[in-house]
Amino acid sequence: MEQRRILVVTQHYWPEQFRINDIVAGFVADGIGVDVLCGLPNYPRGEWYPGYRYTGPRYEERDGVRIWRAGEIPRRGNSGPMIFLNYVSWPLFALFSVGRPKGPYDAVFCYNTSPVLMALPALLYGRLHHVPVTTYVLDLWPENLYSVLPVKSRFWQRVARGVSDWHYRRADRLIAMSESLRARLLQRTGKPEGAVSVIPQYCEDFYAVPQPDDPLARQFAGGFNLVFTGNFSPAQGLDTVLKALAEARRQGARALRLLLVGDGMSREALEALAGELGLLAEGAAVFCGSVPPGEVPRYTTLADALIVSLNASEDLGLTVPAKLASYMAAKKPILASMDGEGRAAVEAAGCGLASAACDVEGLARNMRALARMPDEQRAALGQKAFAWYEAHYRRAGLLRQLEKTLLPPREA
């Protein structure tokens, strides 16, 4: 049987650490041919990765995948203007690269983190070559834009909404992470019910394998370790987490320690806030920096609890944060500070304590309550988290579901 082939369009790809890397590896392992049109790696700091610069390399082959890279303006400094330039530069430059991938393809798959403009080269390729385009909507636009760049002008808000809806309508099929997001996309696009599917984000299997690290455990011994992993952006609401930590410690929970594993545009502001709150001087907040995804279990293994947070926004509440799956796989209790689908998942799983987004007092109260719990009660919460992961976020099942969506059976 002739091999089926997919063109993946995504600004961010290896060596940047996004889940699309694992999705592509899964496709290849299942015998699907994959080519990737992507950008030049500079996320999250806006600095070129070693071996890369604006001039290239523009073509690579890795693990059976052909990779074409289009230029982009790096998000150097992570200021608002630089992020905007990065958002608009790659999709525009990539339009001039859609003739480089060597089809034919059975499907075009846009792994659509921010910005929504990322879908533009995918839509052009699909239109030119009559190939169906599927967009996996991971960040809803323009709502997600406003969490990073505050756009106050109603005129520009209307423009951003119109541009976003145009991209969603032009895709042949959309994939949403939750039923709430699916309903919003159906309402915004007017697409038929069957054109929008729900496939939650899975997590890689290695998140479920503990990685004891004795030096790390000794370094952070003697406290109650709360761990956050992932991107530091305004949407994450990490200022609420730091303020809640300071409040909980002020109220007597002095053993609480927060390990922040990751990086992003908000890091400098968060470090400044932690300093103002006295958390850095006391060693109560530790910025551990970025680590490769495969090393994240070193931190989740030593955690007493894992923290997931989002800012207060009805639109952010439409999605389940990707880190929630990996947290549940780690068999640890979860502290959730958010609204919507993510909070509902934690509550349905019965795997932790949840408070409303931006509720400093509520999160501080839950931090203290979790720290006071007997070990066996926290272990039971972790087991419930793992059971929910196995039922809803396992890689194998969701990867097969994604493949069937992209590559329905050929007609006889």
Protein backbone atom coordinates (compact mmCIF):
# COMPACT_ATOMS: atom_id res chain seq x y z
CA MET A 1 0.00 0.00 0.00
CA GLU A 2 1.28 3.48 -0.87
CA GLN A 3 2.59 5.41 2.12
CA ARG A 4 0.35 8.23 3.30
CA ARG A 5 2.01 11.58 3.84
CA ILE A 6 1.38 14.68 5.95
CA LEU A 7 2.79 18.19 5.68
CA VAL A 8 3.05 19.67 9.18
CA VAL A 9 3.04 23.48 9.36
CA THR A 10 4.12 24.98 12.67
CA GLN A 11 6.34 27.92 13.55
CA HIS A 12 7.90 26.01 16.45
CA TYR A 13 9.63 22.68 15.96
CA TRP A 14 12.74 20.83 17.09
CA PRO A 15 15.10 21.84 18.65
CA GLU A 16 12.45 24.03 20.29
CA GLN A 17 10.55 21.95 22.82
CA PHE A 18 6.91 21.67 21.77
CA ARG A 19 4.62 18.65 21.77
CA ILE A 20 4.47 18.68 17.98
CA ASN A 21 7.96 17.08 18.07
CA ASP A 22 6.50 13.99 19.72
CA ILE A 23 3.41 13.99 17.49
CA VAL A 24 5.62 13.94 14.40
CA ALA A 25 7.73 11.13 15.89
CA GLY A 26 4.51 9.20 16.53
CA PHE A 27 3.35 9.66 12.94
CA VAL A 28 6.69 8.43 11.61
CA ALA A 29 6.69 5.41 13.94
CA ASP A 30 3.25 4.50 12.58
CA GLY A 31 4.55 4.49 9.02
CA ILE A 32 3.27 7.91 7.94
CA GLY A 33 5.59 10.09 5.86
CA VAL A 34 6.04 13.55 7.41
CA ASP A 35 7.56 16.79 6.15
CA VAL A 36 7.66 19.92 8.31
CA LEU A 37 7.54 23.60 7.35
CA CYS A 38 8.62 25.59 10.40
CA GLY A 39 10.66 28.53 11.67
CA LEU A 40 14.20 29.08 12.91
CA PRO A 41 14.58 28.14 16.58
CA ASN A 42 14.70 31.08 19.01
CA TYR A 43 11.86 30.41 21.49
CA PRO A 44 11.47 31.37 24.32
CA ARG A 45 14.30 33.88 24.78
CA GLY A 46 14.44 35.19 21.24
CA GLU A 47 18.04 34.09 20.79
CA TRP A 48 19.12 31.81 17.96
CA TYR A 49 19.85 28.29 19.09
CA PRO A 50 23.45 27.10 18.59
CA GLY A 51 24.09 26.33 14.95
CA TYR A 52 21.26 28.56 13.69
CA ARG A 53 20.98 32.14 12.49
CA TYR A 54 18.64 34.04 10.20
CA THR A 55 20.30 32.68 7.09
CA GLY A 56 19.75 29.08 8.11
CA PRO A 57 20.13 26.25 7.87
CA ARG A 58 16.91 26.36 5.84
CA TYR A 59 16.74 22.60 5.16
CA GLU A 60 17.49 19.62 7.41
CA GLU A 61 16.66 15.95 7.71
CA ARG A 62 16.18 14.34 11.11
CA ASP A 63 14.79 10.96 12.13
CA GLY A 64 13.17 10.40 8.76
CA VAL A 65 11.56 13.87 8.64
CA ARG A 66 12.40 16.49 6.01
CA ILE A 67 12.40 19.95 7.59
CA TRP A 68 12.08 23.22 5.66
CA ARG A 69 12.65 26.40 7.67
CA ALA A 70 11.36 29.84 6.77
CA GLY A 71 12.86 33.02 8.20
CA GLU A 72 11.45 35.00 11.10
CA ILE A 73 12.31 38.01 13.23
CA PRO A 74 13.36 36.60 16.63
CA ARG A 75 11.40 37.71 19.68
CA ARG A 76 14.59 39.12 21.23
CA GLY A 77 13.92 40.67 24.63
CA ASN A 78 10.30 39.46 24.65
CA SER A 79 8.99 43.01 24.53
CA GLY A 80 5.54 43.63 23.09
CA PRO A 81 6.83 45.08 19.79
CA MET A 82 9.32 42.22 19.29
CA ILE A 83 6.69 39.56 20.02
CA PHE A 84 4.38 41.26 17.52
CA LEU A 85 7.11 41.28 14.87
CA ASN A 86 7.82 37.63 15.55
CA TYR A 87 4.11 36.79 15.32
CA VAL A 88 3.70 38.39 11.89
CA SER A 89 7.11 37.73 10.34
CA TRP A 90 7.18 33.94 10.20
CA PRO A 91 3.76 33.42 8.55
CA LEU A 92 4.58 36.06 5.93
CA PHE A 93 8.06 34.69 5.20
CA ALA A 94 6.68 31.14 5.16
CA LEU A 95 4.27 32.09 2.36
CA PHE A 96 7.32 32.27 0.10
CA SER A 97 8.39 28.78 1.18
CA VAL A 98 5.22 26.81 0.46
CA GLY A 99 6.69 25.68 -2.85
CA ARG A 100 9.68 24.05 -1.18
CA PRO A 101 8.11 20.96 0.48
CA LYS A 102 8.07 18.10 -2.00
CA GLY A 103 4.58 16.62 -1.94
CA PRO A 104 2.22 15.13 -2.78
CA TYR A 105 0.50 15.01 0.63
CA ASP A 106 -2.71 13.46 1.85
CA ALA A 107 -3.19 16.14 4.51
CA VAL A 108 -1.83 19.46 5.74
CA PHE A 109 -1.74 19.72 9.52
CA CYS A 110 -1.27 23.10 11.24
CA TYR A 111 -0.24 22.76 14.87
CA ASN A 112 -1.59 26.20 15.74
CA THR A 113 -0.11 27.72 18.86
CA SER A 114 0.08 31.50 18.80
CA PRO A 115 -0.29 33.28 16.47
CA VAL A 116 -3.35 32.29 14.45
CA LEU A 117 -1.46 33.67 11.42
CA MET A 118 0.64 30.50 11.63
CA ALA A 119 -2.14 28.79 9.68
CA LEU A 120 -1.74 31.10 6.66
CA PRO A 121 1.00 29.12 4.85
CA ALA A 122 -0.90 25.89 5.56
CA LEU A 123 -4.05 27.32 4.03
CA LEU A 124 -2.15 28.57 0.98
CA TYR A 125 -0.51 25.20 0.41
CA GLY A 126 -3.84 23.41 0.75
CA ARG A 127 -5.53 25.79 -1.67
CA LEU A 128 -2.74 25.57 -4.29
CA HIS A 129 -2.48 21.77 -4.17
CA HIS A 130 -6.09 20.83 -3.30
CA VAL A 131 -5.08 19.12 -0.05
CA PRO A 132 -7.40 19.25 3.01
CA VAL A 133 -6.10 21.44 5.85
CA THR A 134 -6.69 20.59 9.51
CA THR A 135 -5.88 23.16 12.21
CA TYR A 136 -5.32 22.04 15.80
CA VAL A 137 -6.47 25.12 17.78
CA LEU A 138 -4.23 25.29 20.84
CA ASP A 139 -4.47 29.04 21.52
CA LEU A 140 -7.81 30.71 20.71
CA TRP A 141 -7.33 34.00 18.90
CA PRO A 142 -7.65 36.91 19.25
CA GLU A 143 -8.37 36.18 22.92
CA ASN A 144 -4.93 34.69 23.55
CA LEU A 145 -3.32 37.72 21.90
CA TYR A 146 -4.84 39.99 24.55
CA SER A 147 -3.20 37.98 27.34
CA VAL A 148 0.21 38.85 25.86
CA LEU A 149 -0.32 42.19 24.11
CA PRO A 150 -3.02 44.41 25.63
CA VAL A 151 -4.99 45.69 22.64
CA LYS A 152 -7.39 48.40 23.85
CA SER A 153 -8.53 49.90 20.55
CA ARG A 154 -11.93 48.57 19.51
CA PHE A 155 -10.99 49.04 15.87
CA TRP A 156 -7.91 46.82 16.20
CA GLN A 157 -9.89 44.33 18.27
CA ARG A 158 -12.40 44.04 15.41
CA VAL A 159 -9.54 43.61 12.95
CA ALA A 160 -7.94 40.89 15.10
CA ARG A 161 -11.28 39.10 15.47
CA GLY A 162 -11.94 39.24 11.73
CA VAL A 163 -8.47 37.97 10.83
CA SER A 164 -8.74 35.14 13.37
CA ASP A 165 -12.18 34.00 12.22
CA TRP A 166 -11.05 34.11 8.58
CA HIS A 167 -8.26 31.65 9.35
CA TYR A 168 -10.57 29.32 11.29
CA ARG A 169 -13.24 29.36 8.59
CA ARG A 170 -10.78 28.63 5.79
CA ALA A 171 -9.50 25.41 7.37
CA ASP A 172 -11.30 22.29 6.16
CA ARG A 173 -11.33 20.89 9.66
CA LEU A 174 -10.63 22.20 13.16
CA ILE A 175 -9.56 20.27 16.24
CA ALA A 176 -10.38 21.68 19.67
CA MET A 177 -8.99 20.61 23.04
CA SER A 178 -12.34 20.68 24.86
CA GLU A 179 -16.07 20.66 24.26
CA SER A 180 -16.30 24.29 25.36
CA LEU A 181 -13.73 25.34 22.79
CA ARG A 182 -15.46 23.25 20.14
CA ALA A 183 -18.75 25.04 20.84
CA ARG A 184 -17.04 28.43 20.59
CA LEU A 185 -15.39 27.53 17.27
CA LEU A 186 -18.66 26.25 15.82
CA GLN A 187 -20.38 29.48 16.82
CA ARG A 188 -17.58 31.67 15.46
CA THR A 189 -17.11 29.87 12.14
CA GLY A 190 -20.57 28.58 11.26
CA LYS A 191 -18.99 25.25 10.33
CA PRO A 192 -21.09 22.06 10.36
CA GLU A 193 -20.89 19.94 13.51
CA GLY A 194 -18.73 17.30 11.87
CA ALA A 195 -16.03 19.80 10.85
CA VAL A 196 -14.85 20.45 14.42
CA SER A 197 -13.51 17.56 16.52
CA VAL A 198 -12.39 17.35 20.15
CA ILE A 199 -9.01 15.75 20.85
CA PRO A 200 -7.37 16.67 24.18
CA GLN A 201 -3.62 17.19 24.24
CA TYR A 202 -1.85 14.07 25.43
CA CYS A 203 1.43 13.98 27.28
CA GLU A 204 4.48 11.94 26.39
CA ASP A 205 4.80 8.60 28.18
CA PHE A 206 8.03 9.56 29.96
CA TYR A 207 6.09 11.92 32.26
CA ALA A 208 4.61 8.84 33.94
CA VAL A 209 8.04 7.39 34.78
CA PRO A 210 9.55 8.72 38.05
CA GLN A 211 13.12 10.02 37.83
CA PRO A 212 14.59 10.12 41.34
CA ASP A 213 17.49 12.56 41.44
CA ASP A 214 19.43 12.31 44.70
CA PRO A 215 21.43 15.57 44.37
CA LEU A 216 18.24 17.47 43.52
CA ALA A 217 16.34 15.81 46.38
CA ARG A 218 19.09 16.75 48.83
CA GLN A 219 19.14 20.32 47.52
CA PHE A 220 15.42 20.75 48.20
CA ALA A 221 15.05 18.55 51.26
CA GLY A 222 13.40 19.83 54.40
CA GLY A 223 10.51 21.68 52.82
CA PHE A 224 7.12 21.13 51.21
CA ASN A 225 7.91 21.48 47.53
CA LEU A 226 5.33 22.98 45.18
CA VAL A 227 6.45 22.65 41.55
CA PHE A 228 5.36 24.60 38.48
CA THR A 229 6.72 23.61 35.06
CA GLY A 230 6.35 25.31 31.70
CA ASN A 231 6.13 28.70 30.07
CA PHE A 232 6.20 31.94 32.07
CA SER A 233 3.70 34.21 30.32
CA PRO A 234 1.05 36.67 31.52
CA ALA A 235 -1.63 34.09 30.75
CA GLN A 236 -0.24 31.73 33.39
CA GLY A 237 -1.19 33.93 36.34
CA LEU A 238 2.05 33.15 38.17
CA ASP A 239 1.89 36.45 40.04
CA THR A 240 -1.13 34.98 41.85
CA VAL A 241 0.92 31.90 42.75
CA LEU A 242 3.78 33.98 44.20
CA LYS A 243 1.42 36.19 46.20
CA ALA A 244 -0.45 33.15 47.52
CA LEU A 245 2.84 31.53 48.54
CA ALA A 246 3.87 34.65 50.45
CA GLU A 247 0.45 34.81 52.14
CA ALA A 248 0.47 31.12 53.11
CA ARG A 249 3.95 31.46 54.60
CA ARG A 250 2.89 34.61 56.45
CA GLN A 251 0.06 32.59 57.98
CA GLY A 252 2.47 30.00 59.32
CA ALA A 253 3.14 27.54 56.48
CA ARG A 254 6.86 28.25 56.52
CA ALA A 255 7.84 24.92 54.98
CA LEU A 256 6.27 25.84 51.64
CA ARG A 257 8.74 26.21 48.80
CA LEU A 258 7.94 26.94 45.15
CA LEU A 259 10.16 25.58 42.36
CA LEU A 260 9.57 27.30 39.03
CA VAL A 261 10.92 25.13 36.23
CA GLY A 262 10.83 26.91 32.88
CA ASP A 263 11.28 30.29 31.28
CA GLY A 264 9.43 32.86 29.22
CA MET A 265 8.57 36.48 28.68
CA SER A 266 7.37 37.05 32.27
CA ARG A 267 10.43 35.70 34.04
CA GLU A 268 12.07 39.06 34.80
CA ALA A 269 8.83 40.50 36.21
CA LEU A 270 8.20 37.38 38.28
CA GLU A 271 11.70 37.42 39.72
CA ALA A 272 11.20 41.07 40.66
CA LEU A 273 7.87 40.27 42.35
CA ALA A 274 9.39 37.32 44.23
CA GLY A 275 12.12 39.64 45.44
CA GLU A 276 9.61 42.28 46.60
CA LEU A 277 7.68 39.61 48.51
CA GLY A 278 10.84 38.39 50.26
CA LEU A 279 10.55 34.95 48.70
CA LEU A 280 13.96 34.96 47.04
CA ALA A 281 15.86 35.98 50.17
CA GLU A 282 14.09 33.26 52.15
CA GLY A 283 14.71 30.61 49.49
CA ALA A 284 10.95 30.09 49.26
CA ALA A 285 10.80 30.70 45.50
CA VAL A 286 13.46 29.16 43.29
CA PHE A 287 13.76 29.84 39.56
CA CYS A 288 15.29 26.65 38.21
CA GLY A 289 15.45 27.65 34.55
CA SER A 290 14.45 25.61 31.52
CA VAL A 291 15.15 21.92 31.24
CA PRO A 292 14.45 19.55 28.32
CA PRO A 293 11.01 17.91 28.59
CA GLY A 294 12.61 14.54 29.34
CA GLU A 295 14.15 16.01 32.51
CA VAL A 296 10.93 17.49 33.89
CA PRO A 297 10.15 14.27 35.82
CA ARG A 298 13.28 14.94 37.92
CA TYR A 299 11.31 17.82 39.43
CA THR A 300 7.83 16.31 39.48
CA THR A 301 9.26 13.26 41.25
CA LEU A 302 10.51 15.34 44.19
CA ALA A 303 7.35 17.49 44.28
CA ASP A 304 4.88 17.24 47.13
CA ALA A 305 2.31 18.91 44.87
CA LEU A 306 2.15 20.39 41.37
CA ILE A 307 0.69 23.81 40.57
CA VAL A 308 -1.27 24.78 37.46
CA SER A 309 -2.61 28.31 37.08
CA LEU A 310 -4.20 30.65 34.56
CA ASN A 311 -5.31 34.25 34.64
CA ALA A 312 -8.99 35.08 35.01
CA SER A 313 -10.49 34.91 31.54
CA GLU A 314 -13.54 33.15 30.18
CA ASP A 315 -11.61 32.51 26.99
CA LEU A 316 -8.55 31.00 28.70
CA GLY A 317 -10.97 28.76 30.57
CA LEU A 318 -12.06 27.15 27.30
CA THR A 319 -8.89 25.08 27.16
CA VAL A 320 -7.20 22.54 29.41
CA PRO A 321 -3.55 23.51 29.99
CA ALA A 322 -1.26 20.95 28.36
CA LYS A 323 0.76 20.59 31.54
CA LEU A 324 -2.25 19.16 33.36
CA ALA A 325 -1.86 15.83 31.55
CA SER A 326 1.82 15.55 32.49
CA TYR A 327 1.04 16.53 36.09
CA MET A 328 -1.58 13.81 36.36
CA ALA A 329 0.83 11.27 34.86
CA ALA A 330 3.29 12.09 37.67
CA LYS A 331 0.89 10.73 40.34
CA LYS A 332 1.07 13.89 42.43
CA PRO A 333 -1.72 15.99 43.98
CA ILE A 334 -2.58 19.12 42.02
CA LEU A 335 -3.19 22.67 43.16
CA ALA A 336 -5.25 24.46 40.52
CA SER A 337 -5.72 28.22 40.37
CA MET A 338 -7.97 28.74 37.35
CA ASP A 339 -11.47 28.64 35.94
CA GLY A 340 -13.19 26.68 33.23
CA GLU A 341 -12.26 23.36 31.65
CA GLY A 342 -8.95 22.88 33.47
CA ARG A 343 -10.43 23.42 36.90
CA ALA A 344 -13.37 21.17 35.99
CA ALA A 345 -10.95 18.38 35.05
CA VAL A 346 -9.13 18.61 38.41
CA GLU A 347 -12.42 18.59 40.29
CA ALA A 348 -13.87 15.72 38.23
CA ALA A 349 -10.73 13.67 38.81
CA GLY A 350 -10.80 14.44 42.54
CA CYS A 351 -7.02 14.76 42.39
CA GLY A 352 -6.35 17.97 44.26
CA LEU A 353 -7.63 21.32 45.47
CA ALA A 354 -8.92 24.04 43.16
CA SER A 355 -9.53 27.76 43.58
CA ALA A 356 -10.71 30.47 41.22
CA ALA A 357 -8.27 32.19 38.91
CA CYS A 358 -6.46 35.13 40.55
CA ASP A 359 -7.86 34.22 44.00
CA VAL A 360 -4.78 34.74 46.16
CA GLU A 361 -6.54 33.93 49.44
CA GLY A 362 -8.16 30.80 48.03
CA LEU A 363 -4.90 29.44 46.66
CA ALA A 364 -3.03 30.28 49.87
CA ARG A 365 -5.70 28.43 51.85
CA ASN A 366 -5.38 25.40 49.59
CA MET A 367 -1.59 25.46 49.88
CA ARG A 368 -1.86 25.31 53.65
CA ALA A 369 -4.55 22.63 53.55
CA LEU A 370 -2.53 20.38 51.25
CA ALA A 371 0.62 20.80 53.35
CA ARG A 372 -1.34 19.74 56.47
CA MET A 373 -2.77 16.59 54.86
CA PRO A 374 -1.42 13.21 55.97
CA ASP A 375 0.97 11.65 53.47
CA GLU A 376 -1.44 8.83 52.67
CA GLN A 377 -4.20 11.29 51.79
CA ARG A 378 -1.93 13.17 49.38
CA ALA A 379 -0.83 9.85 47.89
CA ALA A 380 -4.48 8.96 47.30
CA LEU A 381 -4.97 12.25 45.43
CA GLY A 382 -1.97 11.37 43.27
CA GLN A 383 -3.43 7.98 42.44
CA LYS A 384 -6.68 9.64 41.36
CA ALA A 385 -4.67 11.98 39.13
CA PHE A 386 -2.96 9.02 37.49
CA ALA A 387 -6.24 7.20 36.95
CA TRP A 388 -7.64 10.26 35.14
CA TYR A 389 -4.50 10.48 33.02
CA GLU A 390 -4.84 6.83 31.99
CA ALA A 391 -8.49 7.31 31.09
CA HIS A 392 -8.20 10.63 29.23
CA TYR A 393 -4.63 11.65 28.31
CA ARG A 394 -2.71 8.55 27.23
CA ARG A 395 -0.52 9.14 24.20
CA ALA A 396 -1.34 6.01 22.18
CA GLY A 397 -5.10 6.48 22.09
CA LEU A 398 -5.07 10.20 21.34
CA LEU A 399 -2.36 9.85 18.70
CA ARG A 400 -4.47 7.22 16.88
CA GLN A 401 -7.47 9.53 17.13
CA LEU A 402 -5.45 12.37 15.60
CA GLU A 403 -4.22 10.16 12.76
CA LYS A 404 -7.76 9.02 11.93
CA THR A 405 -8.91 12.64 11.85
CA LEU A 406 -6.13 13.71 9.50
CA LEU A 407 -6.14 10.59 7.32
CA PRO A 408 -9.62 9.08 7.05
CA PRO A 409 -9.78 5.75 5.18
CA ARG A 410 -9.42 6.06 1.43
CA GLU A 411 -12.53 5.42 -0.57
CA ALA A 412 -12.51 2.03 -2.30
